[in-house]
Amino acid sequence: MSDQSKQINFTIVPATDEAGAPTARTYSNFCAIAHTPFDFTLTFCEVMPLSEKEIREAETDHVVHAPVRAKVVVPVQFVPNLIAALQEHWRVFSESHVNANWNKGTGPIH
């Protein structure tokens, strides 16, 4: 028997849970990013319209607290593939929604 390692090519696909029910989705419209030398942390939040009180507080201390919906920690080695996948999906999405009003360059979408 040979001591050479065998290379196998495969594709990873998300699995559904055993009951066949879809995994719950979580909505987020803000993502804070932090990193260490070992990993990146993506903290997804949901920012809702502010109340009058929250607006006054934000004018004073320039901070708005948003509820965290999910934190995802990924290894540094994962980030380039994540960026490439997002760029490719964004390219395809943008090409298919060329005339959409949101894509008029009115500023950043956070």
C-alpha atoms as a PDB file:
ATOM      1  CA  MET A   1       0.000   0.000   0.000  1.00  0.00           C
ATOM      2  CA  SER A   2       1.267   3.477  -0.852  1.00  0.00           C
ATOM      3  CA  ASP A   3       1.910   6.163   1.795  1.00  0.00           C
ATOM      4  CA  GLN A   4       0.942   8.927  -0.653  1.00  0.00           C
ATOM      5  CA  SER A   5      -2.030  11.013   0.352  1.00  0.00           C
ATOM      6  CA  LYS A   6      -5.004  10.841  -1.946  1.00  0.00           C
ATOM      7  CA  GLN A   7      -6.534  14.065  -3.275  1.00  0.00           C
ATOM      8  CA  ILE A   8     -10.305  14.156  -3.546  1.00  0.00           C
ATOM      9  CA  ASN A   9     -12.214  17.034  -5.152  1.00  0.00           C
ATOM     10  CA  PHE A  10     -15.661  17.753  -3.744  1.00  0.00           C
ATOM     11  CA  THR A  11     -18.284  20.452  -3.429  1.00  0.00           C
ATOM     12  CA  ILE A  12     -19.777  21.420  -0.074  1.00  0.00           C
ATOM     13  CA  VAL A  13     -23.499  22.182  -0.104  1.00  0.00           C
ATOM     14  CA  PRO A  14     -25.664  23.271   2.837  1.00  0.00           C
ATOM     15  CA  ALA A  15     -27.742  20.408   4.217  1.00  0.00           C
ATOM     16  CA  THR A  16     -31.346  20.744   5.313  1.00  0.00           C
ATOM     17  CA  ASP A  17     -32.171  19.594   8.799  1.00  0.00           C
ATOM     18  CA  GLU A  18     -33.409  16.055   9.276  1.00  0.00           C
ATOM     19  CA  ALA A  19     -37.094  16.974   9.352  1.00  0.00           C
ATOM     20  CA  GLY A  20     -36.681  18.695   5.989  1.00  0.00           C
ATOM     21  CA  ALA A  21     -37.715  22.047   7.460  1.00  0.00           C
ATOM     22  CA  PRO A  22     -35.705  25.041   6.298  1.00  0.00           C
ATOM     23  CA  THR A  23     -33.244  26.645   8.683  1.00  0.00           C
ATOM     24  CA  ALA A  24     -34.549  29.834  10.269  1.00  0.00           C
ATOM     25  CA  ARG A  25     -33.368  33.009   8.560  1.00  0.00           C
ATOM     26  CA  THR A  26     -32.217  36.093  10.437  1.00  0.00           C
ATOM     27  CA  TYR A  27     -32.571  39.594   8.986  1.00  0.00           C
ATOM     28  CA  SER A  28     -29.746  42.099   9.344  1.00  0.00           C
ATOM     29  CA  ASN A  29     -29.144  45.490   7.769  1.00  0.00           C
ATOM     30  CA  PHE A  30     -25.838  46.320   9.468  1.00  0.00           C
ATOM     31  CA  CYS A  31     -22.606  44.392   9.905  1.00  0.00           C
ATOM     32  CA  ALA A  32     -19.717  45.365  12.174  1.00  0.00           C
ATOM     33  CA  ILE A  33     -16.406  43.675  11.402  1.00  0.00           C
ATOM     34  CA  ALA A  34     -13.516  43.025  13.771  1.00  0.00           C
ATOM     35  CA  HIS A  35     -10.444  40.833  13.460  1.00  0.00           C
ATOM     36  CA  THR A  36      -7.607  39.230  15.352  1.00  0.00           C
ATOM     37  CA  PRO A  37      -4.483  37.682  13.817  1.00  0.00           C
ATOM     38  CA  PHE A  38      -6.450  34.400  13.657  1.00  0.00           C
ATOM     39  CA  ASP A  39     -10.048  35.191  12.689  1.00  0.00           C
ATOM     40  CA  PHE A  40     -12.630  37.726  11.559  1.00  0.00           C
ATOM     41  CA  THR A  41     -15.826  38.367  13.516  1.00  0.00           C
ATOM     42  CA  LEU A  42     -18.882  39.563  11.610  1.00  0.00           C
ATOM     43  CA  THR A  43     -21.513  40.954  13.983  1.00  0.00           C
ATOM     44  CA  PHE A  44     -24.878  41.312  12.252  1.00  0.00           C
ATOM     45  CA  CYS A  45     -27.381  43.789  13.717  1.00  0.00           C
ATOM     46  CA  GLU A  46     -30.840  45.040  12.871  1.00  0.00           C
ATOM     47  CA  VAL A  47     -31.119  48.818  12.858  1.00  0.00           C
ATOM     48  CA  MET A  48     -34.697  50.006  13.161  1.00  0.00           C
ATOM     49  CA  PRO A  49     -36.019  53.569  12.732  1.00  0.00           C
ATOM     50  CA  LEU A  50     -35.093  55.617  15.790  1.00  0.00           C
ATOM     51  CA  SER A  51     -37.552  57.040  18.291  1.00  0.00           C
ATOM     52  CA  GLU A  52     -37.400  60.729  19.200  1.00  0.00           C
ATOM     53  CA  LYS A  53     -35.617  59.796  22.453  1.00  0.00           C
ATOM     54  CA  GLU A  54     -33.030  57.695  20.588  1.00  0.00           C
ATOM     55  CA  ILE A  55     -32.435  60.541  18.140  1.00  0.00           C
ATOM     56  CA  ARG A  56     -31.789  62.986  21.006  1.00  0.00           C
ATOM     57  CA  GLU A  57     -29.409  60.488  22.647  1.00  0.00           C
ATOM     58  CA  ALA A  58     -27.595  59.948  19.335  1.00  0.00           C
ATOM     59  CA  GLU A  59     -27.189  63.704  18.907  1.00  0.00           C
ATOM     60  CA  THR A  60     -25.576  63.868  22.340  1.00  0.00           C
ATOM     61  CA  ASP A  61     -23.245  60.882  22.421  1.00  0.00           C
ATOM     62  CA  HIS A  62     -23.165  59.975  18.678  1.00  0.00           C
ATOM     63  CA  VAL A  63     -23.918  56.303  19.375  1.00  0.00           C
ATOM     64  CA  VAL A  64     -26.889  54.155  18.382  1.00  0.00           C
ATOM     65  CA  HIS A  65     -27.196  50.721  19.947  1.00  0.00           C
ATOM     66  CA  ALA A  66     -28.594  48.068  17.608  1.00  0.00           C
ATOM     67  CA  PRO A  67     -29.632  44.577  18.681  1.00  0.00           C
ATOM     68  CA  VAL A  68     -27.196  41.861  17.628  1.00  0.00           C
ATOM     69  CA  ARG A  69     -28.923  39.190  15.527  1.00  0.00           C
ATOM     70  CA  ALA A  70     -25.907  36.933  14.893  1.00  0.00           C
ATOM     71  CA  LYS A  71     -22.145  36.766  15.343  1.00  0.00           C
ATOM     72  CA  VAL A  72     -20.137  34.733  12.861  1.00  0.00           C
ATOM     73  CA  VAL A  73     -16.456  34.028  13.434  1.00  0.00           C
ATOM     74  CA  VAL A  74     -14.444  32.774  10.452  1.00  0.00           C
ATOM     75  CA  PRO A  75     -10.758  31.908  10.125  1.00  0.00           C
ATOM     76  CA  VAL A  76      -8.546  34.409   8.309  1.00  0.00           C
ATOM     77  CA  GLN A  77      -7.965  31.886   5.503  1.00  0.00           C
ATOM     78  CA  PHE A  78     -11.728  31.881   4.770  1.00  0.00           C
ATOM     79  CA  VAL A  79     -11.999  35.645   4.158  1.00  0.00           C
ATOM     80  CA  PRO A  80     -10.515  35.876   0.609  1.00  0.00           C
ATOM     81  CA  ASN A  81     -12.971  33.226  -0.642  1.00  0.00           C
ATOM     82  CA  LEU A  82     -15.856  35.008   1.109  1.00  0.00           C
ATOM     83  CA  ILE A  83     -14.878  38.303  -0.546  1.00  0.00           C
ATOM     84  CA  ALA A  84     -14.556  36.646  -3.975  1.00  0.00           C
ATOM     85  CA  ALA A  85     -17.946  34.930  -3.615  1.00  0.00           C
ATOM     86  CA  LEU A  86     -19.642  38.176  -2.530  1.00  0.00           C
ATOM     87  CA  GLN A  87     -18.061  40.069  -5.441  1.00  0.00           C
ATOM     88  CA  GLU A  88     -19.223  37.440  -7.938  1.00  0.00           C
ATOM     89  CA  HIS A  89     -22.758  37.370  -6.551  1.00  0.00           C
ATOM     90  CA  TRP A  90     -22.832  41.180  -6.510  1.00  0.00           C
ATOM     91  CA  ARG A  91     -21.695  41.268 -10.154  1.00  0.00           C
ATOM     92  CA  VAL A  92     -24.440  38.847 -11.238  1.00  0.00           C
ATOM     93  CA  PHE A  93     -27.055  40.648  -9.125  1.00  0.00           C
ATOM     94  CA  SER A  94     -26.051  44.084 -10.451  1.00  0.00           C
ATOM     95  CA  GLU A  95     -26.155  42.909 -14.051  1.00  0.00           C
ATOM     96  CA  SER A  96     -29.645  41.497 -13.603  1.00  0.00           C
ATOM     97  CA  HIS A  97     -30.955  44.620 -11.820  1.00  0.00           C
ATOM     98  CA  VAL A  98     -29.350  47.324 -13.970  1.00  0.00           C
ATOM     99  CA  ASN A  99     -32.417  49.598 -13.997  1.00  0.00           C
ATOM    100  CA  ALA A 100     -33.318  49.310 -10.325  1.00  0.00           C
ATOM    101  CA  ASN A 101     -33.728  52.657  -8.549  1.00  0.00           C
ATOM    102  CA  TRP A 102     -31.557  51.651  -5.569  1.00  0.00           C
ATOM    103  CA  ASN A 103     -28.515  51.214  -7.841  1.00  0.00           C
ATOM    104  CA  LYS A 104     -28.218  54.906  -8.825  1.00  0.00           C
ATOM    105  CA  GLY A 105     -25.070  55.659  -6.811  1.00  0.00           C
ATOM    106  CA  THR A 106     -26.783  57.756  -4.136  1.00  0.00           C
ATOM    107  CA  GLY A 107     -24.204  56.736  -1.547  1.00  0.00           C
ATOM    108  CA  PRO A 108     -23.199  53.703   0.441  1.00  0.00           C
ATOM    109  CA  ILE A 109     -25.716  51.088   1.463  1.00  0.00           C
ATOM    110  CA  HIS A 110     -24.894  49.795   4.923  1.00  0.00           C
END
